[in-house]
Amino acid sequence: MSSRHSPELSGARATSPANTSAAGEVGRAPLVVSNFINGEFVAPASGAYIDDIGPATGEVIARIPDSDARDIDAAVRAAHSAFPAWSRTPVAERSRLLLRLADLIENNLEELARLESRDNGKTVTLARRLDIPRAVANFRFFATAILHYASEAHPTDGVALNYTLRQPLGVAGLISPWNLPLYLLSWKIAPAIATGNTCVAKPSELTPLTANRLAQLARDAGLPPGVINIVHGLGAKAGDALTSHPKVPLISFTGGTVTGAKVAMAAAPHFKRVSLELGGKNPNVIFADADLPEAVKTSIQSSFANQGEICLCGSRIFVERSIHDHFVDEFVAATKQLRIGDPWDEATDVGALISAAHLEKVSGYVELAKQEGGTIVAGGRRIDGAGFFFEPTVVTGLGCDRRVLQEEIFGPVVTITPFDGEDEAIAFANSTRYGLSATLWTRDLQRAHRVAAALDAGTVWINCWLVRDLRVPFGGMKESGVGREGGFESLSFFTEAKNVCVKLA
């Protein structure tokens, strides 16, 4: 029950994007997306829609519902009505239906990869290799994990027998982000419904297309109406209505730290169970004894995969001073070989950023890096033409107290900073309010364990990056989140533990 994915970026010279075939679909009529409630595709109650902009072209590619509290309430009522029957459905039957859905996703992998690329701006090769296979793996993992989720039993001195029941809570509210749309949506839906809950999911309004297709596939798989409901729209309307709805006892949210705080505040008056997977400013610590070629190669991936729009990307690189200059030279040379352009071109390494607003944010941080005294040694410029493209960018010469090293940029921008000794490396790595993940490069096994234990991070990779096993707990420390997902952690989150005590004497 494991799944490992490690995105790899091919080496090629940087180029400007031509008229993309990604979106070589310019001029094509926008798709019209509907909400999926109680097994049916329905228009929003308001009749209002939002434009979905294709990142590679800047053109409208879809129109999605501008849903409000009425749509959320309809979806919650459908999920609430479906809950009694679904929660009593035998585990083996729930497993069979999830496995069927996984098969349908796999059978439609190419279509889903192209939808993801078109909607998000990521390369179709990454969507094909990472996003869609991981969605398949999520459903298969939890479909089989529920078959092995054992209950506890404790004989109490011959007087009584205590045993634990794990029971679903009801309607799960699931809010997923735009950077890994189907990947992270399925990471929430799969354990929620596998454990007998029903759900109302709100995907990001920036990337609705694969969620819409998932709804169709769920119906084709035979999932009963109301088990999965998907409502599109803005966080300030649909998202707030979901997190504050009195008949939604638990919320699983992945997204930015600021929004996560709002979710927690909305959920608090109702004492909802909340899981928050939030931002990151992840350190990548490279000691002098590291396998340098491998560290450079993998650090290129961990810096620029998905245009740096992965919460686990290593945006702060710390290199032991004795190899710092050599590492910078090698890393910059590799960065300059990355090809930027058409997300549907198989040779492209770096696609488009998610939106014009995000492009402005990333560009603004590069300008801030210059103001703070940093040196741009690679990239640093937006690409002229249609779409939202920005060069992979490397910054040197900044201290850990600078905003560029403290605030989450979430784009293809990394800093490289020298350190002297293990203690300083740990201090630098732990110097932010975030604690999601970290990467560590060394051949010294004792140092590896020692430093890993000292890092403020929910996940530490040693001599690798993004090697994922779905059995292990995933989540962040400090302002990177609350709670853990993955494996039995997810199964525990989506169920309520009930102790039953039977007197024997």
Protein backbone atom coordinates (compact mmCIF):
# COMPACT_ATOMS: atom_id res chain seq x y z
CA MET A 1 0.00 0.00 0.00
CA SER A 2 2.67 2.51 -0.96
CA SER A 3 3.11 5.00 -3.74
CA ARG A 4 6.22 6.92 -4.68
CA HIS A 5 6.45 9.81 -7.09
CA SER A 6 9.49 11.95 -7.86
CA PRO A 7 9.05 14.53 -10.61
CA GLU A 8 12.05 14.89 -12.90
CA LEU A 9 12.79 17.87 -15.07
CA SER A 10 14.64 17.28 -18.30
CA GLY A 11 17.58 19.50 -19.19
CA ALA A 12 17.21 21.84 -22.15
CA ARG A 13 18.01 25.44 -23.02
CA ALA A 14 15.55 28.08 -21.84
CA THR A 15 13.27 29.42 -24.55
CA SER A 16 10.30 31.72 -24.76
CA PRO A 17 6.90 30.11 -25.23
CA ALA A 18 5.49 30.20 -28.72
CA ASN A 19 1.79 30.05 -29.46
CA THR A 20 1.04 27.11 -27.25
CA SER A 21 -0.91 24.15 -28.43
CA ALA A 22 -2.04 23.92 -24.76
CA ALA A 23 -3.57 25.82 -25.27
CA GLY A 24 -3.45 25.79 -28.96
CA GLU A 25 -7.01 25.61 -28.40
CA VAL A 26 -7.30 29.39 -28.42
CA GLY A 27 -10.65 30.45 -29.85
CA ARG A 28 -12.37 27.28 -28.71
CA ALA A 29 -15.68 27.94 -26.94
CA PRO A 30 -15.31 27.86 -23.13
CA LEU A 31 -16.56 24.80 -21.31
CA VAL A 32 -19.51 25.29 -18.99
CA VAL A 33 -19.01 23.60 -15.63
CA SER A 34 -21.89 22.69 -13.31
CA ASN A 35 -22.13 21.83 -9.64
CA PHE A 36 -22.52 18.13 -8.85
CA ILE A 37 -25.19 17.65 -6.18
CA ASN A 38 -27.00 14.43 -5.31
CA GLY A 39 -25.69 12.69 -8.40
CA GLU A 40 -26.83 15.40 -10.82
CA PHE A 41 -25.12 18.29 -12.59
CA VAL A 42 -26.96 21.48 -11.69
CA ALA A 43 -26.61 25.20 -12.33
CA PRO A 44 -25.83 27.56 -9.45
CA ALA A 45 -28.80 28.96 -7.58
CA SER A 46 -27.80 32.50 -8.50
CA GLY A 47 -27.39 31.71 -12.20
CA ALA A 48 -24.02 33.53 -12.02
CA TYR A 49 -20.74 32.17 -13.39
CA ILE A 50 -17.03 32.95 -13.04
CA ASP A 51 -14.41 32.93 -15.81
CA ASP A 52 -11.76 30.21 -15.61
CA ILE A 53 -8.60 31.56 -17.27
CA GLY A 54 -6.09 29.27 -18.99
CA PRO A 55 -2.63 30.15 -17.59
CA ALA A 56 -0.80 29.36 -20.84
CA THR A 57 -2.89 31.75 -22.93
CA GLY A 58 -4.68 34.16 -20.63
CA GLU A 59 -7.91 33.21 -22.43
CA VAL A 60 -11.19 32.11 -20.85
CA ILE A 61 -11.32 28.31 -21.08
CA ALA A 62 -14.35 27.63 -18.90
CA ARG A 63 -17.23 29.20 -17.03
CA ILE A 64 -17.82 27.87 -13.52
CA PRO A 65 -20.64 28.39 -11.01
CA ASP A 66 -20.36 31.38 -8.71
CA SER A 67 -21.96 29.33 -5.96
CA ASP A 68 -23.21 30.70 -2.65
CA ALA A 69 -24.69 29.43 0.60
CA ARG A 70 -27.79 28.10 -1.19
CA ASP A 71 -25.71 25.73 -3.33
CA ILE A 72 -23.65 24.62 -0.35
CA ASP A 73 -26.80 23.99 1.68
CA ALA A 74 -28.30 21.90 -1.13
CA ALA A 75 -25.11 19.84 -1.34
CA VAL A 76 -24.93 19.39 2.43
CA ARG A 77 -28.56 18.28 2.54
CA ALA A 78 -27.87 15.73 -0.20
CA ALA A 79 -24.78 14.45 1.60
CA HIS A 80 -26.65 14.35 4.91
CA SER A 81 -29.48 12.33 3.38
CA ALA A 82 -27.05 9.89 1.76
CA PHE A 83 -25.00 9.39 4.93
CA PRO A 84 -27.11 6.77 6.78
CA ALA A 85 -27.18 4.31 3.89
CA TRP A 86 -23.56 4.94 2.84
CA SER A 87 -22.22 4.60 6.39
CA ARG A 88 -23.97 1.21 6.67
CA THR A 89 -22.65 0.02 3.29
CA PRO A 90 -20.34 -2.97 3.89
CA VAL A 91 -16.66 -2.11 3.86
CA ALA A 92 -16.03 -4.55 1.02
CA GLU A 93 -18.63 -2.78 -1.15
CA ARG A 94 -17.22 0.65 -0.41
CA SER A 95 -13.79 -0.71 -1.31
CA ARG A 96 -15.09 -2.12 -4.58
CA LEU A 97 -16.63 1.17 -5.64
CA LEU A 98 -13.47 3.15 -4.83
CA LEU A 99 -11.38 0.67 -6.79
CA ARG A 100 -13.78 1.02 -9.71
CA LEU A 101 -13.39 4.80 -9.57
CA ALA A 102 -9.60 4.42 -9.51
CA ASP A 103 -9.78 2.24 -12.61
CA LEU A 104 -11.87 4.84 -14.44
CA ILE A 105 -9.40 7.60 -13.56
CA GLU A 106 -6.56 5.44 -14.84
CA ASN A 107 -8.47 4.61 -18.02
CA ASN A 108 -8.90 8.35 -18.67
CA LEU A 109 -5.40 9.36 -17.62
CA GLU A 110 -4.44 11.17 -20.82
CA GLU A 111 -7.63 13.21 -20.94
CA LEU A 112 -7.29 14.16 -17.27
CA ALA A 113 -3.61 15.06 -17.69
CA ARG A 114 -4.44 17.43 -20.52
CA LEU A 115 -7.31 18.98 -18.58
CA GLU A 116 -5.00 19.50 -15.61
CA SER A 117 -2.30 21.06 -17.77
CA ARG A 118 -4.75 23.31 -19.59
CA ASP A 119 -6.38 24.46 -16.35
CA ASN A 120 -3.27 24.83 -14.17
CA GLY A 121 -0.46 25.70 -16.60
CA LYS A 122 1.74 22.79 -15.52
CA THR A 123 3.38 20.61 -18.13
CA VAL A 124 1.31 17.74 -19.40
CA THR A 125 4.29 15.45 -18.77
CA LEU A 126 4.18 16.29 -15.05
CA ALA A 127 0.41 15.84 -14.89
CA ARG A 128 0.76 12.53 -16.73
CA ARG A 129 3.58 11.30 -14.50
CA LEU A 130 2.61 12.73 -11.10
CA ASP A 131 -0.86 14.24 -10.67
CA ILE A 132 -3.16 11.71 -12.28
CA PRO A 133 -1.29 8.55 -11.21
CA ARG A 134 -1.29 9.88 -7.66
CA ALA A 135 -5.06 10.39 -7.79
CA VAL A 136 -5.40 6.76 -8.89
CA ALA A 137 -3.09 5.68 -6.07
CA ASN A 138 -5.07 7.68 -3.49
CA PHE A 139 -8.33 5.88 -4.27
CA ARG A 140 -6.66 2.48 -4.45
CA PHE A 141 -4.76 2.99 -1.23
CA PHE A 142 -7.75 3.97 0.88
CA ALA A 143 -10.00 1.43 -0.84
CA THR A 144 -7.71 -1.29 0.47
CA ALA A 145 -6.61 0.39 3.72
CA ILE A 146 -10.16 0.23 5.12
CA LEU A 147 -10.03 -3.56 4.75
CA HIS A 148 -7.15 -3.66 7.24
CA TYR A 149 -8.14 -0.95 9.72
CA ALA A 150 -8.30 -2.99 12.92
CA SER A 151 -10.18 -2.11 16.09
CA GLU A 152 -8.64 -2.25 19.56
CA ALA A 153 -9.77 -4.59 22.32
CA HIS A 154 -8.58 -4.54 25.96
CA PRO A 155 -9.54 -7.25 28.45
CA THR A 156 -9.66 -5.54 31.86
CA ASP A 157 -8.57 -8.00 34.57
CA GLY A 158 -11.34 -10.43 33.77
CA VAL A 159 -13.91 -7.85 34.87
CA ALA A 160 -14.75 -6.27 31.54
CA LEU A 161 -13.86 -6.13 27.87
CA ASN A 162 -13.23 -2.74 26.32
CA TYR A 163 -13.25 -2.39 22.57
CA THR A 164 -13.08 0.58 20.22
CA LEU A 165 -15.48 1.38 17.42
CA ARG A 166 -14.34 3.70 14.62
CA GLN A 167 -17.43 5.35 13.18
CA PRO A 168 -17.86 7.96 10.43
CA LEU A 169 -18.93 11.44 11.54
CA GLY A 170 -21.27 12.50 8.73
CA VAL A 171 -20.71 15.15 6.05
CA ALA A 172 -17.06 16.02 5.45
CA GLY A 173 -16.28 19.47 4.08
CA LEU A 174 -13.27 19.25 1.76
CA ILE A 175 -11.48 22.31 0.37
CA SER A 176 -8.57 21.73 -2.02
CA PRO A 177 -6.08 24.07 -3.74
CA TRP A 178 -5.17 24.88 -7.33
CA ASN A 179 -1.57 23.67 -7.49
CA LEU A 180 -2.23 19.89 -7.53
CA PRO A 181 -5.96 19.90 -8.24
CA LEU A 182 -7.01 16.27 -8.72
CA TYR A 183 -4.07 14.91 -6.71
CA LEU A 184 -5.10 16.78 -3.53
CA LEU A 185 -8.85 16.61 -4.08
CA SER A 186 -8.64 12.81 -4.28
CA TRP A 187 -6.32 12.81 -1.22
CA LYS A 188 -9.31 14.13 0.73
CA ILE A 189 -12.29 12.49 -0.95
CA ALA A 190 -10.83 8.97 -0.89
CA PRO A 191 -10.38 8.58 2.90
CA ALA A 192 -13.54 10.55 3.66
CA ILE A 193 -15.88 8.28 1.73
CA ALA A 194 -13.85 5.11 2.31
CA THR A 195 -14.54 5.42 6.04
CA GLY A 196 -18.27 5.87 5.46
CA ASN A 197 -18.64 9.62 5.44
CA THR A 198 -20.28 11.53 2.63
CA CYS A 199 -18.70 14.75 1.41
CA VAL A 200 -19.12 18.20 -0.05
CA ALA A 201 -15.96 19.26 -1.87
CA LYS A 202 -15.05 22.74 -3.02
CA PRO A 203 -12.15 22.71 -5.48
CA SER A 204 -10.24 25.88 -6.24
CA GLU A 205 -12.12 28.19 -8.57
CA LEU A 206 -8.87 28.50 -10.56
CA THR A 207 -8.72 24.80 -11.49
CA PRO A 208 -12.20 23.25 -11.72
CA LEU A 209 -11.88 21.02 -14.78
CA THR A 210 -10.56 17.75 -13.36
CA ALA A 211 -12.92 18.00 -10.39
CA ASN A 212 -15.79 18.28 -12.84
CA ARG A 213 -14.55 15.22 -14.70
CA LEU A 214 -14.09 13.32 -11.44
CA ALA A 215 -17.77 13.89 -10.66
CA GLN A 216 -18.71 12.28 -13.98
CA LEU A 217 -16.42 9.32 -13.31
CA ALA A 218 -17.78 8.88 -9.78
CA ARG A 219 -21.28 8.60 -11.18
CA ASP A 220 -20.06 6.15 -13.83
CA ALA A 221 -18.39 4.08 -11.10
CA GLY A 222 -21.76 3.60 -9.41
CA LEU A 223 -21.25 5.70 -6.30
CA PRO A 224 -24.69 6.45 -4.85
CA PRO A 225 -26.12 9.97 -5.26
CA GLY A 226 -25.09 12.32 -2.48
CA VAL A 227 -21.94 10.47 -1.45
CA ILE A 228 -19.72 12.87 -3.41
CA ASN A 229 -20.94 16.41 -4.01
CA ILE A 230 -18.80 19.06 -5.70
CA VAL A 231 -19.64 22.75 -5.48
CA HIS A 232 -17.58 25.29 -7.40
CA GLY A 233 -17.06 28.91 -6.52
CA LEU A 234 -15.12 31.45 -4.53
CA GLY A 235 -13.74 30.86 -1.07
CA ALA A 236 -15.39 33.98 0.28
CA LYS A 237 -18.83 32.65 -0.73
CA ALA A 238 -18.91 28.89 -1.18
CA GLY A 239 -15.90 28.15 1.03
CA ASP A 240 -17.12 30.22 3.96
CA ALA A 241 -20.60 28.70 3.70
CA LEU A 242 -19.11 25.21 3.82
CA THR A 243 -16.78 25.80 6.77
CA SER A 244 -19.52 27.41 8.84
CA HIS A 245 -22.39 25.04 7.94
CA PRO A 246 -23.82 23.49 11.13
CA LYS A 247 -24.35 20.07 9.52
CA VAL A 248 -20.71 19.68 8.47
CA PRO A 249 -18.86 18.27 11.50
CA LEU A 250 -15.39 18.13 9.99
CA ILE A 251 -13.32 20.22 7.60
CA SER A 252 -10.18 19.22 5.70
CA PHE A 253 -8.46 22.21 4.13
CA THR A 254 -5.29 22.54 2.05
CA GLY A 255 -4.16 26.01 1.07
CA GLY A 256 -2.50 29.17 2.30
CA THR A 257 -1.80 29.90 5.95
CA VAL A 258 -3.86 33.13 6.01
CA THR A 259 -6.91 31.34 4.60
CA GLY A 260 -6.31 28.43 6.96
CA ALA A 261 -6.63 30.77 9.93
CA LYS A 262 -9.99 31.97 8.58
CA VAL A 263 -11.16 28.38 8.15
CA ALA A 264 -10.21 27.59 11.75
CA MET A 265 -12.09 30.64 13.05
CA ALA A 266 -15.21 29.76 11.04
CA ALA A 267 -15.14 26.17 12.30
CA ALA A 268 -14.44 26.99 15.95
CA PRO A 269 -17.95 28.08 17.05
CA HIS A 270 -19.32 24.72 15.89
CA PHE A 271 -16.44 22.74 17.46
CA LYS A 272 -15.74 21.09 14.13
CA ARG A 273 -12.86 18.71 13.68
CA VAL A 274 -10.33 20.50 11.48
CA SER A 275 -7.29 19.41 9.48
CA LEU A 276 -5.20 22.21 7.98
CA GLU A 277 -2.35 21.61 5.53
CA LEU A 278 -0.93 25.07 4.98
CA GLY A 279 2.05 26.95 3.58
CA GLY A 280 5.73 26.14 3.55
CA LYS A 281 9.12 27.81 3.19
CA ASN A 282 11.09 24.63 3.00
CA PRO A 283 14.84 24.41 3.58
CA ASN A 284 17.16 22.32 1.42
CA VAL A 285 20.37 21.76 3.42
CA ILE A 286 23.45 20.56 1.53
CA PHE A 287 26.59 19.53 3.44
CA ALA A 288 30.04 19.40 1.90
CA ASP A 289 30.11 15.60 1.91
CA ALA A 290 26.93 15.34 -0.20
CA ASP A 291 26.81 13.61 -3.57
CA LEU A 292 26.98 16.96 -5.36
CA PRO A 293 25.80 15.93 -8.85
CA GLU A 294 22.79 14.16 -7.35
CA ALA A 295 22.11 17.08 -5.00
CA VAL A 296 22.17 19.54 -7.90
CA LYS A 297 19.95 17.37 -10.09
CA THR A 298 17.34 16.75 -7.38
CA SER A 299 17.48 20.32 -6.12
CA ILE A 300 16.56 21.53 -9.60
CA GLN A 301 13.49 19.33 -9.35
CA SER A 302 12.62 20.38 -5.80
CA SER A 303 13.02 24.05 -6.72
CA PHE A 304 11.19 24.27 -10.04
CA ALA A 305 8.83 21.30 -10.40
CA ASN A 306 5.33 22.54 -11.21
CA GLN A 307 6.84 26.06 -11.57
CA GLY A 308 7.70 25.95 -7.86
CA GLU A 309 3.98 25.78 -7.10
CA ILE A 310 4.20 22.78 -4.77
CA CYS A 311 3.97 23.32 -1.03
CA LEU A 312 6.91 20.91 -0.62
CA CYS A 313 9.31 22.71 -2.96
CA GLY A 314 12.65 23.62 -1.38
CA SER A 315 12.72 27.38 -1.84
CA ARG A 316 15.60 28.07 0.58
CA ILE A 317 18.84 26.29 -0.29
CA PHE A 318 21.58 26.30 2.36
CA VAL A 319 25.01 25.07 1.25
CA GLU A 320 28.10 24.46 3.39
CA ARG A 321 30.52 27.28 2.65
CA SER A 322 33.39 25.11 1.36
CA ILE A 323 31.26 23.95 -1.61
CA HIS A 324 28.93 26.94 -1.88
CA ASP A 325 30.47 28.62 -4.91
CA HIS A 326 30.83 25.36 -6.81
CA PHE A 327 27.23 24.40 -6.04
CA VAL A 328 25.98 27.81 -7.20
CA ASP A 329 27.86 27.46 -10.49
CA GLU A 330 26.47 24.00 -11.15
CA PHE A 331 22.94 24.87 -10.03
CA VAL A 332 22.77 28.05 -12.09
CA ALA A 333 24.05 26.25 -15.18
CA ALA A 334 21.38 23.58 -14.77
CA THR A 335 18.68 26.21 -14.17
CA LYS A 336 19.56 27.99 -17.39
CA GLN A 337 19.06 24.76 -19.33
CA LEU A 338 15.39 24.46 -18.34
CA ARG A 339 12.95 25.05 -21.16
CA ILE A 340 9.99 27.32 -20.49
CA GLY A 341 7.00 27.22 -22.77
CA ASP A 342 4.04 25.31 -24.15
CA PRO A 343 2.81 23.01 -21.36
CA TRP A 344 1.72 20.45 -23.95
CA ASP A 345 5.16 20.28 -25.58
CA GLU A 346 6.85 17.11 -24.37
CA ALA A 347 10.21 18.94 -24.20
CA THR A 348 8.95 21.69 -21.88
CA ASP A 349 10.23 21.67 -18.29
CA VAL A 350 8.52 24.75 -16.86
CA GLY A 351 4.98 25.80 -17.74
CA ALA A 352 2.88 28.81 -16.79
CA LEU A 353 2.07 30.24 -13.39
CA ILE A 354 -1.54 29.90 -12.30
CA SER A 355 -2.76 33.46 -12.86
CA ALA A 356 -1.89 37.04 -13.72
CA ALA A 357 -2.17 37.96 -10.04
CA HIS A 358 0.24 35.22 -9.04
CA LEU A 359 2.66 36.28 -11.78
CA GLU A 360 2.61 39.78 -10.28
CA LYS A 361 3.26 38.35 -6.82
CA VAL A 362 6.25 36.30 -7.96
CA SER A 363 7.65 39.18 -9.99
CA GLY A 364 7.22 41.46 -6.99
CA TYR A 365 9.28 39.18 -4.77
CA VAL A 366 12.11 39.14 -7.30
CA GLU A 367 12.12 42.94 -7.27
CA LEU A 368 12.06 42.82 -3.47
CA ALA A 369 15.09 40.49 -3.52
CA LYS A 370 17.02 43.14 -5.43
CA GLN A 371 15.93 45.85 -2.98
CA GLU A 372 17.02 43.69 -0.06
CA GLY A 373 20.53 43.39 -1.56
CA GLY A 374 20.25 40.07 -3.36
CA THR A 375 21.88 39.19 -6.65
CA ILE A 376 19.85 37.54 -9.40
CA VAL A 377 22.23 34.95 -10.85
CA ALA A 378 19.66 33.21 -13.07
CA GLY A 379 16.27 34.17 -14.47
CA GLY A 380 14.40 36.98 -12.82
CA ARG A 381 12.16 37.99 -15.71
CA ARG A 382 8.64 37.38 -16.87
CA ILE A 383 8.26 36.08 -20.41
CA ASP A 384 6.64 38.40 -22.94
CA GLY A 385 3.57 37.21 -24.81
CA ALA A 386 0.36 35.45 -23.92
CA GLY A 387 0.04 33.54 -20.68
CA PHE A 388 1.69 33.85 -17.28
CA PHE A 389 5.28 32.64 -17.67
CA PHE A 390 8.23 33.48 -15.42
CA GLU A 391 11.84 32.35 -15.68
CA PRO A 392 13.23 29.97 -13.06
CA THR A 393 15.09 32.35 -10.79
CA VAL A 394 18.07 31.97 -8.44
CA VAL A 395 18.96 34.61 -5.84
CA THR A 396 22.17 34.81 -3.79
CA GLY A 397 23.53 37.21 -1.18
CA LEU A 398 20.54 37.42 1.19
CA GLY A 399 20.48 36.73 4.91
CA CYS A 400 17.84 34.58 6.60
CA ASP A 401 16.10 37.61 8.08
CA ARG A 402 15.12 39.00 4.68
CA ARG A 403 11.49 38.82 3.60
CA VAL A 404 12.36 36.81 0.51
CA LEU A 405 13.65 34.05 2.83
CA GLN A 406 10.81 34.40 5.33
CA GLU A 407 7.66 34.63 3.21
CA GLU A 408 6.15 31.98 0.96
CA ILE A 409 6.57 32.96 -2.70
CA PHE A 410 5.14 29.74 -4.18
CA GLY A 411 6.81 30.17 -7.53
CA PRO A 412 10.03 29.39 -9.44
CA VAL A 413 12.25 31.46 -7.14
CA VAL A 414 14.94 30.03 -4.85
CA THR A 415 17.63 31.54 -2.68
CA ILE A 416 21.07 30.04 -2.01
CA THR A 417 22.83 30.89 1.25
CA PRO A 418 26.15 29.59 2.68
CA PHE A 419 26.42 28.20 6.19
CA ASP A 420 29.27 27.25 8.52
CA GLY A 421 28.73 24.06 10.47
CA GLU A 422 25.82 21.93 11.53
CA ASP A 423 24.44 24.21 14.24
CA GLU A 424 24.20 27.17 11.86
CA ALA A 425 22.56 25.01 9.20
CA ILE A 426 19.87 23.96 11.69
CA ALA A 427 19.37 27.53 12.88
CA PHE A 428 19.00 28.81 9.32
CA ALA A 429 16.60 26.02 8.38
CA ASN A 430 14.40 26.64 11.44
CA SER A 431 14.38 30.43 11.11
CA THR A 432 10.87 30.81 9.60
CA ARG A 433 7.35 30.49 10.98
CA TYR A 434 6.78 27.49 8.70
CA GLY A 435 7.62 23.84 9.23
CA LEU A 436 6.20 21.69 6.44
CA SER A 437 9.15 19.80 4.95
CA ALA A 438 12.93 19.82 4.64
CA THR A 439 15.55 18.14 2.49
CA LEU A 440 18.96 17.14 3.78
CA TRP A 441 22.02 16.08 1.79
CA THR A 442 24.92 14.25 3.49
CA ARG A 443 26.76 10.93 3.37
CA ASP A 444 27.24 10.99 7.17
CA LEU A 445 24.54 8.70 8.57
CA GLN A 446 24.88 9.95 12.14
CA ARG A 447 24.63 13.57 11.01
CA ALA A 448 21.63 12.73 8.86
CA HIS A 449 19.67 11.37 11.82
CA ARG A 450 20.88 14.10 14.16
CA VAL A 451 19.94 16.98 11.88
CA ALA A 452 16.65 15.39 10.80
CA ALA A 453 15.57 15.20 14.44
CA ALA A 454 16.50 18.85 14.99
CA LEU A 455 14.66 20.30 11.97
CA ASP A 456 11.23 21.87 12.47
CA ALA A 457 9.50 19.99 9.67
CA GLY A 458 6.71 17.46 9.39
CA THR A 459 8.62 15.60 6.67
CA VAL A 460 12.39 15.35 6.23
CA TRP A 461 13.85 13.81 3.08
CA ILE A 462 17.46 12.65 3.25
CA ASN A 463 19.30 12.50 -0.07
CA CYS A 464 16.03 12.60 -2.02
CA TRP A 465 12.88 14.68 -2.49
CA LEU A 466 9.18 13.94 -2.91
CA VAL A 467 9.56 10.23 -2.34
CA ARG A 468 6.09 9.55 -0.97
CA ASP A 469 4.72 6.52 0.83
CA LEU A 470 1.00 6.85 1.42
CA ARG A 471 1.21 4.97 4.71
CA VAL A 472 3.21 7.66 6.51
CA PRO A 473 1.80 10.72 8.32
CA PHE A 474 1.91 13.99 6.38
CA GLY A 475 1.51 17.50 7.72
CA GLY A 476 3.35 20.51 9.07
CA MET A 477 4.66 22.10 12.24
CA LYS A 478 4.27 25.70 13.39
CA GLU A 479 2.21 27.73 10.89
CA SER A 480 2.37 24.99 8.27
CA GLY A 481 -0.66 23.25 9.62
CA VAL A 482 -2.67 21.37 12.19
CA GLY A 483 -3.09 17.61 12.15
CA ARG A 484 -1.79 14.88 9.88
CA GLU A 485 -3.02 13.18 6.73
CA GLY A 486 -2.03 9.90 5.12
CA GLY A 487 -2.38 6.25 6.04
CA PHE A 488 -4.16 5.50 9.29
CA GLU A 489 -3.83 9.18 10.27
CA SER A 490 -6.44 10.00 7.61
CA LEU A 491 -8.64 7.09 8.61
CA SER A 492 -8.51 8.30 12.22
CA PHE A 493 -9.32 11.89 11.26
CA PHE A 494 -12.41 10.89 9.31
CA THR A 495 -13.76 8.63 12.07
CA GLU A 496 -14.85 9.04 15.68
CA ALA A 497 -13.39 6.67 18.26
CA LYS A 498 -16.00 5.22 20.59
CA ASN A 499 -15.13 3.02 23.56
CA VAL A 500 -17.55 0.21 24.45
CA CYS A 501 -17.15 -1.48 27.85
CA VAL A 502 -18.84 -4.85 28.43
CA LYS A 503 -18.99 -6.20 31.97
CA LEU A 504 -17.91 -9.82 32.12
CA ALA A 505 -18.15 -10.75 35.81
